[in-house]
């Protein structure tokens, strides 16, 4: 059965509730099995997310929206009253079948206690697993059917049994926010320290999905609030990334630090910026999170924001003391990324905040090179207006005009040429912008350059 899951910003909703707008969509199985890649990337996300984190997203987030047709199929697969009445009279030698096991799982999923009792009398093993490794108690816990969970536990089912993703019934209950079910499982000896195949505890799942009551139950049973998964993310990381402000408050109130490990992984603040969650960004800054904390590649929250083009988050970071000319391990500044991403507003704000117009990265490229390479004409106009050097050459001797010619960005070419770019300058391979356009078969770009040269020749002739 396929279940829709929307992520980033995380779309979470209980059955029957309204969904909030999201921008990622995955397909996952009811057992938590995940697709391998997102169907669409949000336009504002200019920073690639590691694929192992995508898998973790897909494992963490709610899958509770069943299509109407699938609900009908499940109901049709359930047991009829006449079957329930007849089954106790079956011959003593009757053996259960795989179909009986599927019926047990369906009955537990739907919370049909009478069907569960009848099936266990066949006898169907209470701990039999479906193709995803779920037992009946996994299904019942996931659906929040506490009465079924209690019955199965009294029957001796394995309370810490793992499915094929190493999820226990407690994981499944907290994933869907069933706090009462989670509390009962904990009272009966379920371990809150057990981890999924991605290293998440039940608290990670509750935090990622914004289930406050389930998180409070886990914390009351002394769940470790700063536990890290295999990606070095704590429940706080998942809460801020998903935009659950109250969850962030709850975890910070339990002594979780607002900053990650400097230079090792992304800080909670960086994840909040990546998710575009203004509330979480403001909250973390108020709680003392460093606006200049760096990830393993040396990037700060301002780098991430500049790449995504979020004006409001950028203003929060600048007000919180973010260093406007911080450079990462490639010596890339936020203005480089903003110029490459093409956000005119963000470029303007960074320039007004004192960003260096002619800063060079490890390849000696300036922000103007980035805007020319990506064809971001408005960013190029702003940079030139505020005095960026137009003919600076990068490590291979190419100017912004060379890069715009190579990519065929005609509008950017016109802006550069009108701004005074010299089309006769040569790279280390002795190529002019015209040569580059011709080599890469950018005929429109070549035409723009020739028209400019003819126009300049006519102007010079008139001046004589």
Protein backbone atom coordinates (compact mmCIF):
# COMPACT_ATOMS: atom_id res chain seq x y z
CA UNK A 1 0.00 0.00 0.00
CA UNK A 2 1.47 3.38 -0.99
CA UNK A 3 1.17 6.28 1.36
CA UNK A 4 1.86 9.91 0.52
CA UNK A 5 4.39 11.78 2.59
CA UNK A 6 5.14 15.47 2.07
CA UNK A 7 8.32 16.99 3.42
CA UNK A 8 10.34 20.20 3.55
CA UNK A 9 8.93 22.11 5.10
CA UNK A 10 7.55 18.96 6.68
CA UNK A 11 3.91 18.29 5.96
CA UNK A 12 2.44 16.44 8.88
CA UNK A 13 -1.20 15.85 9.59
CA UNK A 14 -3.36 13.33 11.33
CA UNK A 15 -6.06 11.55 9.39
CA UNK A 16 -8.87 13.95 8.65
CA UNK A 17 -6.91 17.11 9.49
CA UNK A 18 -5.88 19.79 7.04
CA UNK A 19 -2.41 19.56 5.56
CA UNK A 20 -0.06 22.45 5.69
CA UNK A 21 1.76 23.44 2.56
CA UNK A 22 4.92 21.49 1.84
CA UNK A 23 7.37 21.17 -0.98
CA UNK A 24 8.83 17.68 -0.88
CA UNK A 25 6.88 14.57 -1.74
CA UNK A 26 7.92 10.97 -1.25
CA UNK A 27 6.13 7.67 -1.58
CA UNK A 28 6.54 5.27 1.30
CA UNK A 29 4.96 2.01 2.30
CA UNK A 30 2.77 1.65 5.36
CA UNK A 31 5.66 -0.22 6.88
CA UNK A 32 7.98 2.72 6.50
CA UNK A 33 9.69 1.55 3.30
CA UNK A 34 10.87 4.53 1.38
CA UNK A 35 11.42 5.70 -2.16
CA UNK A 36 14.98 6.53 -3.02
CA UNK A 37 14.68 10.11 -4.21
CA UNK A 38 12.42 13.17 -3.99
CA UNK A 39 10.00 13.86 -6.80
CA UNK A 40 10.54 17.60 -6.82
CA UNK A 41 12.98 20.01 -5.23
CA UNK A 42 11.63 23.19 -3.69
CA UNK A 43 12.56 26.24 -5.75
CA UNK A 44 14.00 28.04 -2.73
CA UNK A 45 16.35 25.20 -1.83
CA UNK A 46 19.67 25.99 -3.46
CA UNK A 47 21.72 23.69 -1.28
CA UNK A 48 21.87 19.99 -2.06
CA UNK A 49 20.96 17.74 0.85
CA UNK A 50 23.00 14.54 1.34
CA UNK A 51 21.08 11.46 0.13
CA UNK A 52 21.49 9.68 3.45
CA UNK A 53 19.51 12.52 5.09
CA UNK A 54 16.76 12.07 2.50
CA UNK A 55 16.46 8.46 3.60
CA UNK A 56 16.23 9.59 7.21
CA UNK A 57 13.48 12.09 6.33
CA UNK A 58 11.49 9.39 4.63
CA UNK A 59 11.87 7.07 7.59
CA UNK A 60 11.06 9.74 10.17
CA UNK A 61 7.93 11.38 8.93
CA UNK A 62 4.27 10.52 9.26
CA UNK A 63 2.56 8.17 6.81
CA UNK A 64 -1.03 8.27 7.95
CA UNK A 65 -2.93 9.48 4.87
CA UNK A 66 -4.66 6.51 3.30
CA UNK A 67 -6.46 6.89 0.01
CA UNK A 68 -10.16 6.13 0.01
CA UNK A 69 -9.72 3.24 -2.39
CA UNK A 70 -7.08 1.69 -0.16
CA UNK A 71 -9.35 2.01 2.84
CA UNK A 72 -12.02 0.11 0.95
CA UNK A 73 -9.55 -2.63 0.12
CA UNK A 74 -8.58 -2.96 3.78
CA UNK A 75 -12.22 -3.12 4.84
CA UNK A 76 -12.93 -5.71 2.17
CA UNK A 77 -10.03 -7.80 3.48
CA UNK A 78 -11.48 -7.77 7.00
CA UNK A 79 -13.42 -10.65 8.45
CA UNK A 80 -17.19 -10.87 8.14
CA UNK A 81 -19.44 -11.51 11.13
CA UNK A 82 -20.48 -14.96 9.83
CA UNK A 83 -16.81 -15.89 9.58
CA UNK A 84 -16.17 -14.83 13.16
CA UNK A 85 -19.14 -16.91 14.30
CA UNK A 86 -18.03 -19.96 12.36
CA UNK A 87 -14.32 -19.99 13.18
CA UNK A 88 -14.58 -21.17 16.80
CA UNK A 89 -16.25 -24.32 15.43
CA UNK A 90 -13.43 -25.16 13.03
CA UNK A 91 -11.96 -28.68 13.40
CA UNK A 92 -9.20 -28.98 16.02
CA UNK A 93 -6.64 -29.93 13.40
CA UNK A 94 -7.14 -26.73 11.38
CA UNK A 95 -3.83 -24.99 10.55
CA UNK A 96 -3.52 -21.25 9.94
CA UNK A 97 -2.45 -19.95 6.53
CA UNK A 98 -0.50 -16.90 5.34
CA UNK A 99 -3.87 -15.34 4.57
CA UNK A 100 -4.78 -15.67 8.26
CA UNK A 101 -1.59 -13.83 9.19
CA UNK A 102 -2.46 -11.01 6.78
CA UNK A 103 -5.94 -10.84 8.29
CA UNK A 104 -4.42 -10.57 11.76
CA UNK A 105 -2.30 -7.62 10.65
CA UNK A 106 -5.27 -5.95 8.96
CA UNK A 107 -7.42 -6.43 12.03
CA UNK A 108 -4.72 -4.94 14.28
CA UNK A 109 -4.25 -2.04 11.85
CA UNK A 110 -7.98 -1.28 11.92
CA UNK A 111 -8.32 -1.79 15.68
CA UNK A 112 -10.74 -4.72 15.37
CA UNK A 113 -10.20 -6.52 18.67
CA UNK A 114 -12.81 -9.25 18.04
CA UNK A 115 -11.12 -10.24 14.80
CA UNK A 116 -7.72 -10.29 16.51
CA UNK A 117 -9.04 -12.57 19.25
CA UNK A 118 -10.67 -14.95 16.76
CA UNK A 119 -7.52 -15.19 14.64
CA UNK A 120 -5.30 -15.91 17.64
CA UNK A 121 -7.56 -18.84 18.50
CA UNK A 122 -6.75 -20.62 15.19
CA UNK A 123 -3.95 -20.27 16.41
CA UNK A 124 -2.16 -17.55 14.39
CA UNK A 125 1.18 -16.61 16.03
CA UNK A 126 0.88 -13.18 17.63
CA UNK A 127 4.41 -12.29 16.52
CA UNK A 128 4.10 -13.29 12.85
CA UNK A 129 5.58 -10.64 10.54
CA UNK A 130 4.36 -9.04 7.32
CA UNK A 131 6.70 -8.36 4.35
CA UNK A 132 8.00 -5.21 6.09
CA UNK A 133 8.65 -7.07 9.33
CA UNK A 134 5.69 -5.58 11.19
CA UNK A 135 3.92 -7.69 13.76
CA UNK A 136 0.33 -7.17 14.86
CA UNK A 137 1.45 -4.98 17.75
CA UNK A 138 3.40 -2.75 15.33
CA UNK A 139 0.20 -2.22 13.35
CA UNK A 140 -1.91 -1.58 16.43
CA UNK A 141 0.63 0.83 17.95
CA UNK A 142 1.00 2.73 14.69
CA UNK A 143 -2.76 3.21 14.55
CA UNK A 144 -3.03 4.10 18.23
CA UNK A 145 -5.37 1.21 19.01
CA UNK A 146 -4.52 0.96 22.68
CA UNK A 147 -7.10 -1.75 23.46
CA UNK A 148 -5.58 -4.02 20.82
CA UNK A 149 -2.05 -3.27 22.01
CA UNK A 150 -3.01 -4.18 25.59
CA UNK A 151 -4.57 -7.45 24.49
CA UNK A 152 -1.54 -8.43 22.38
CA UNK A 153 0.89 -7.56 25.19
CA UNK A 154 -1.12 -9.68 27.64
CA UNK A 155 -0.90 -12.51 25.10
CA UNK A 156 2.88 -12.33 25.39
CA UNK A 157 3.81 -10.62 22.11
CA UNK A 158 7.38 -9.30 21.95
CA UNK A 159 7.10 -5.69 23.12
CA UNK A 160 10.52 -4.70 21.73
CA UNK A 161 10.22 -6.65 18.50
CA UNK A 162 11.90 -5.01 15.52
CA UNK A 163 10.65 -4.72 11.96
CA UNK A 164 12.99 -4.70 8.98
CA UNK A 165 13.87 -1.05 9.68
CA UNK A 166 14.68 -1.84 13.31
CA UNK A 167 11.54 0.01 14.44
CA UNK A 168 9.83 -1.25 17.57
CA UNK A 169 6.13 -0.76 18.39
CA UNK A 170 7.21 2.23 20.53
CA UNK A 171 8.85 3.82 17.48
CA UNK A 172 5.65 3.34 15.50
CA UNK A 173 3.44 4.78 18.24
CA UNK A 174 5.65 7.87 18.66
CA UNK A 175 5.98 8.29 14.89
CA UNK A 176 2.23 8.88 14.75
CA UNK A 177 1.96 10.72 18.04
CA UNK A 178 -0.05 8.18 20.03
CA UNK A 179 1.07 9.27 23.48
CA UNK A 180 -1.21 6.97 25.50
CA UNK A 181 -0.09 3.94 23.54
CA UNK A 182 3.55 4.98 23.98
CA UNK A 183 3.06 5.43 27.72
CA UNK A 184 1.50 1.97 28.09
CA UNK A 185 4.34 0.36 26.12
CA UNK A 186 6.92 2.09 28.30
CA UNK A 187 5.10 0.97 31.45
CA UNK A 188 5.23 -2.59 30.16
CA UNK A 189 8.98 -2.48 29.62
CA UNK A 190 9.42 -1.08 26.10
CA UNK A 191 12.87 0.47 25.67
CA UNK A 192 13.10 4.12 24.61
CA UNK A 193 16.81 3.63 23.85
CA UNK A 194 16.37 1.26 20.91
CA UNK A 195 17.31 2.72 17.54
CA UNK A 196 16.14 2.39 13.95
CA UNK A 197 18.52 1.45 11.17
CA UNK A 198 19.29 5.20 10.85
CA UNK A 199 20.03 5.50 14.55
CA UNK A 200 16.85 7.33 15.58
CA UNK A 201 15.25 6.76 18.93
CA UNK A 202 11.52 7.13 19.55
CA UNK A 203 12.19 10.73 20.66
CA UNK A 204 13.75 11.54 17.28
CA UNK A 205 10.55 10.37 15.59
CA UNK A 206 8.28 12.30 17.94
CA UNK A 207 10.37 15.48 17.57
CA UNK A 208 10.56 15.28 13.78
CA UNK A 209 6.79 15.03 13.54
CA UNK A 210 5.95 17.60 16.19
CA UNK A 211 4.18 15.20 18.55
CA UNK A 212 4.50 17.10 21.82
CA UNK A 213 2.52 14.72 24.03
CA UNK A 214 4.51 11.71 22.87
CA UNK A 215 7.77 13.61 23.44
CA UNK A 216 6.68 14.60 26.95
CA UNK A 217 5.89 10.97 27.77
CA UNK A 218 9.31 9.84 26.56
CA UNK A 219 11.10 12.57 28.50
CA UNK A 220 9.12 11.64 31.63
CA UNK A 221 10.55 8.13 31.24
CA UNK A 222 14.05 9.68 31.02
CA UNK A 223 14.62 9.40 27.28
CA UNK A 224 17.95 10.99 26.33
CA UNK A 225 17.11 14.42 24.88
CA UNK A 226 20.49 14.95 23.16
CA UNK A 227 20.84 11.49 21.61
CA UNK A 228 22.39 11.56 18.12
CA UNK A 229 21.45 9.46 15.12
CA UNK A 230 23.92 8.22 12.50
CA UNK A 231 23.85 11.70 10.88
CA UNK A 232 24.83 13.29 14.23
CA UNK A 233 21.38 14.89 14.47
CA UNK A 234 19.64 15.20 17.83
CA UNK A 235 15.85 15.43 18.27
CA UNK A 236 16.40 19.22 18.38
CA UNK A 237 17.93 19.16 14.89
CA UNK A 238 14.85 17.41 13.52
CA UNK A 239 12.44 19.69 15.37
CA UNK A 240 14.01 22.92 14.10
CA UNK A 241 14.35 21.59 10.57
CA UNK A 242 10.69 20.63 10.53
CA UNK A 243 9.61 23.93 12.06
CA UNK A 244 8.03 22.71 15.30
CA UNK A 245 8.52 25.72 17.56
CA UNK A 246 6.85 24.26 20.66
CA UNK A 247 8.92 21.11 20.32
CA UNK A 248 12.07 23.25 20.09
CA UNK A 249 11.02 25.04 23.29
CA UNK A 250 10.39 21.72 25.04
CA UNK A 251 13.80 20.28 24.12
CA UNK A 252 15.73 23.46 24.93
CA UNK A 253 13.97 23.50 28.29
CA UNK A 254 15.47 20.05 28.97
CA UNK A 255 18.99 21.41 28.75
CA UNK A 256 19.74 20.56 25.09
CA UNK A 257 22.36 22.98 23.73
CA UNK A 258 21.23 25.32 20.96
CA UNK A 259 24.54 24.83 19.09
CA UNK A 260 25.84 21.69 17.43
CA UNK A 261 29.44 20.51 17.49
CA UNK A 262 31.49 23.19 15.77
CA UNK A 263 33.05 21.92 12.54
CA UNK A 264 31.48 18.45 12.78
CA UNK A 265 27.95 18.75 11.55
CA UNK A 266 25.22 21.24 10.77
CA UNK A 267 24.04 23.18 13.80
CA UNK A 268 20.34 23.37 14.70
CA UNK A 269 20.40 27.00 13.52
CA UNK A 270 21.74 26.00 10.11
CA UNK A 271 19.03 23.38 9.76
CA UNK A 272 16.36 25.91 10.72
CA UNK A 273 17.70 28.21 8.00
CA UNK A 274 17.83 25.36 5.50
CA UNK A 275 14.19 24.60 6.27
CA UNK A 276 13.24 28.30 5.98
CA UNK A 277 11.69 28.24 9.46
CA UNK A 278 11.77 31.85 10.63
CA UNK A 279 10.24 31.07 14.01
CA UNK A 280 12.87 28.46 14.82
CA UNK A 281 15.67 30.75 13.64
CA UNK A 282 14.49 33.58 15.87
CA UNK A 283 13.98 31.26 18.83
CA UNK A 284 17.44 29.71 18.56
CA UNK A 285 19.11 33.11 18.24
CA UNK A 286 17.27 34.31 21.34
CA UNK A 287 18.43 31.20 23.17
CA UNK A 288 22.05 32.00 22.39
CA UNK A 289 22.75 30.00 19.26
CA UNK A 290 25.82 31.29 17.41
CA UNK A 291 25.01 32.86 14.05
CA UNK A 292 28.58 32.11 12.94
CA UNK A 293 28.77 28.41 13.83
CA UNK A 294 30.35 26.44 11.00
CA UNK A 295 29.56 23.06 9.49
CA UNK A 296 32.19 20.60 8.36
CA UNK A 297 32.65 22.43 5.04
CA UNK A 298 33.07 25.74 6.85
CA UNK A 299 29.71 27.21 5.90
CA UNK A 300 27.69 29.35 8.28
CA UNK A 301 23.95 29.85 8.49
CA UNK A 302 24.38 33.00 6.37
CA UNK A 303 25.86 30.93 3.51
CA UNK A 304 22.82 28.66 3.56
CA UNK A 305 20.42 31.60 3.69
CA UNK A 306 22.19 33.43 0.86
CA UNK A 307 21.90 30.35 -1.34
CA UNK A 308 18.19 29.89 -0.57
CA UNK A 309 17.23 33.54 -0.97
CA UNK A 310 15.11 33.91 2.18
CA UNK A 311 14.99 37.65 2.92
CA UNK A 312 13.36 37.48 6.36
CA UNK A 313 15.73 34.81 7.65
CA UNK A 314 18.67 36.81 6.28
CA UNK A 315 17.54 39.86 8.23
CA UNK A 316 17.28 37.79 11.41
CA UNK A 317 20.79 36.42 10.95
CA UNK A 318 22.33 39.81 10.22
CA UNK A 319 20.59 41.26 13.28
CA UNK A 320 21.90 38.29 15.27
CA UNK A 321 25.52 39.12 14.46
CA UNK A 322 26.20 36.95 11.40
CA UNK A 323 29.53 37.75 9.76
CA UNK A 324 28.71 39.07 6.29
CA UNK A 325 32.05 38.11 4.70
CA UNK A 326 32.54 34.70 6.33
CA UNK A 327 34.16 32.24 3.92
CA UNK A 328 33.85 28.47 3.76
CA UNK A 329 36.53 25.90 2.99
CA UNK A 330 36.43 26.96 -0.69
CA UNK A 331 36.71 30.63 0.34
CA UNK A 332 33.19 31.20 -0.91
CA UNK A 333 31.41 34.15 0.74
CA UNK A 334 27.62 34.52 1.15
CA UNK A 335 27.59 37.15 -1.61
CA UNK A 336 29.05 34.60 -4.06
CA UNK A 337 26.18 32.22 -3.33
CA UNK A 338 23.52 34.93 -3.44
CA UNK A 339 24.80 36.19 -6.80
CA UNK A 340 24.81 32.64 -8.13
CA UNK A 341 21.31 31.94 -6.82
CA UNK A 342 19.98 35.12 -8.40
CA UNK A 343 18.08 36.60 -5.46
CA UNK A 344 18.21 40.33 -6.12
CA UNK A 345 16.86 41.20 -2.68
CA UNK A 346 19.41 39.09 -0.83
CA UNK A 347 22.27 40.43 -2.97
CA UNK A 348 21.13 43.97 -2.22
CA UNK A 349 20.88 43.34 1.53
CA UNK A 350 24.34 41.78 1.66
CA UNK A 351 25.87 44.68 -0.26
CA UNK A 352 24.19 47.22 2.02
CA UNK A 353 25.51 45.25 5.01
CA UNK A 354 29.07 45.73 3.77
CA UNK A 355 29.79 42.54 1.82
CA UNK A 356 33.00 42.72 -0.22
CA UNK A 357 32.02 43.17 -3.87
CA UNK A 358 35.24 41.76 -5.32
CA UNK A 359 35.95 38.92 -2.88
CA UNK A 360 37.56 35.95 -4.63
CA UNK A 361 37.02 32.28 -3.84
CA UNK A 362 39.62 29.52 -4.17
CA UNK A 363 39.26 29.68 -7.98
CA UNK A 364 39.64 33.49 -7.85
CA UNK A 365 36.04 33.95 -8.95
CA UNK A 366 34.17 37.05 -7.78
CA UNK A 367 30.42 37.37 -7.13
CA UNK A 368 30.14 38.87 -10.65
CA UNK A 369 31.64 35.66 -12.08
CA UNK A 370 28.95 33.68 -10.24
CA UNK A 371 26.11 35.84 -11.58
CA UNK A 372 27.51 35.64 -15.13
CA UNK A 373 27.96 31.87 -14.93
CA UNK A 374 24.36 31.38 -13.85
CA UNK A 375 22.89 34.11 -16.05
CA UNK A 376 21.51 36.11 -13.13
CA UNK A 377 21.21 39.44 -14.85
CA UNK A 378 19.59 41.38 -11.99
CA UNK A 379 22.34 40.37 -9.59
CA UNK A 380 24.96 41.41 -12.14
CA UNK A 381 23.27 44.81 -12.54
CA UNK A 382 23.35 45.39 -8.78
CA UNK A 383 26.97 44.38 -8.45
CA UNK A 384 28.01 46.71 -11.28
CA UNK A 385 25.88 49.55 -9.90
CA UNK A 386 27.67 49.37 -6.55
CA UNK A 387 31.12 49.28 -8.18
CA UNK A 388 32.14 45.67 -8.73
CA UNK A 389 35.19 45.30 -10.96
CA UNK A 390 33.97 44.11 -14.34
CA UNK A 391 37.10 42.65 -15.95
CA UNK A 392 38.60 40.70 -13.05
CA UNK A 393 40.02 37.41 -14.30
CA UNK A 394 39.71 34.14 -12.40
CA UNK A 395 42.40 31.47 -12.11
CA UNK A 396 42.14 30.45 -15.78
CA UNK A 397 42.16 34.04 -16.99
CA UNK A 398 38.44 34.19 -17.76
CA UNK A 399 36.39 37.28 -17.03
CA UNK A 400 32.68 37.38 -16.29
CA UNK A 401 32.17 38.07 -20.01
CA UNK A 402 33.90 34.78 -20.91
CA UNK A 403 31.61 32.82 -18.59
CA UNK A 404 28.41 34.46 -19.83
CA UNK A 405 29.51 33.79 -23.43
CA UNK A 406 30.28 30.15 -22.71
CA UNK A 407 26.81 29.58 -21.21
CA UNK A 408 24.95 31.68 -23.78
CA UNK A 409 23.38 34.11 -21.29
CA UNK A 410 22.59 36.87 -23.76
CA UNK A 411 20.88 39.32 -21.38
CA UNK A 412 23.76 39.10 -18.94
CA UNK A 413 26.17 39.57 -21.85
CA UNK A 414 24.40 42.79 -22.86
CA UNK A 415 24.56 44.12 -19.29
CA UNK A 416 28.27 43.36 -19.05
CA UNK A 417 29.07 44.86 -22.44
CA UNK A 418 27.02 47.99 -21.72
CA UNK A 419 28.76 48.19 -18.35
CA UNK A 420 32.16 48.42 -20.02
CA UNK A 421 33.39 44.82 -20.19
CA UNK A 422 36.30 44.45 -22.61
CA UNK A 423 35.49 41.79 -25.26
CA UNK A 424 39.12 41.72 -26.45
CA UNK A 425 40.53 40.29 -23.21
CA UNK A 426 41.97 36.79 -23.55
CA UNK A 427 42.06 33.84 -21.16
CA UNK A 428 45.16 31.75 -20.46
CA UNK A 429 44.28 29.81 -23.64
CA UNK A 430 44.31 33.08 -25.59
CA UNK A 431 40.56 32.96 -26.14
CA UNK A 432 38.34 36.02 -26.28
CA UNK A 433 34.67 35.98 -25.31
CA UNK A 434 33.82 35.60 -29.03
CA UNK A 435 36.13 32.60 -29.33
CA UNK A 436 34.48 30.96 -26.31
CA UNK A 437 30.97 31.55 -27.69
CA UNK A 438 31.99 30.11 -31.05
CA UNK A 439 33.67 27.09 -29.50
CA UNK A 440 30.58 26.24 -27.46
CA UNK A 441 28.22 26.93 -30.37
CA UNK A 442 26.49 29.77 -28.56
CA UNK A 443 25.43 31.52 -31.75
CA UNK A 444 23.07 34.00 -30.09
CA UNK A 445 25.78 35.06 -27.66
CA UNK A 446 28.23 35.45 -30.55
CA UNK A 447 25.71 37.64 -32.34
CA UNK A 448 25.30 39.86 -29.27
CA UNK A 449 29.06 40.38 -29.05
CA UNK A 450 29.38 41.17 -32.79
CA UNK A 451 26.50 43.62 -32.63
CA UNK A 452 28.17 45.38 -29.72
CA UNK A 453 31.49 45.55 -31.58
CA UNK A 454 29.81 46.99 -34.71
CA UNK A 455 27.93 49.50 -32.62
CA UNK A 456 31.13 50.58 -30.89
CA UNK A 457 32.92 50.93 -34.22
CA UNK A 458 30.13 53.15 -35.55
CA UNK A 459 30.27 55.31 -32.42
CA UNK A 460 34.03 55.68 -32.72
CA UNK A 461 33.70 56.58 -36.41
CA UNK A 462 31.20 59.31 -35.62
CA UNK A 463 33.51 60.66 -32.92
CA UNK A 464 36.23 61.23 -35.45
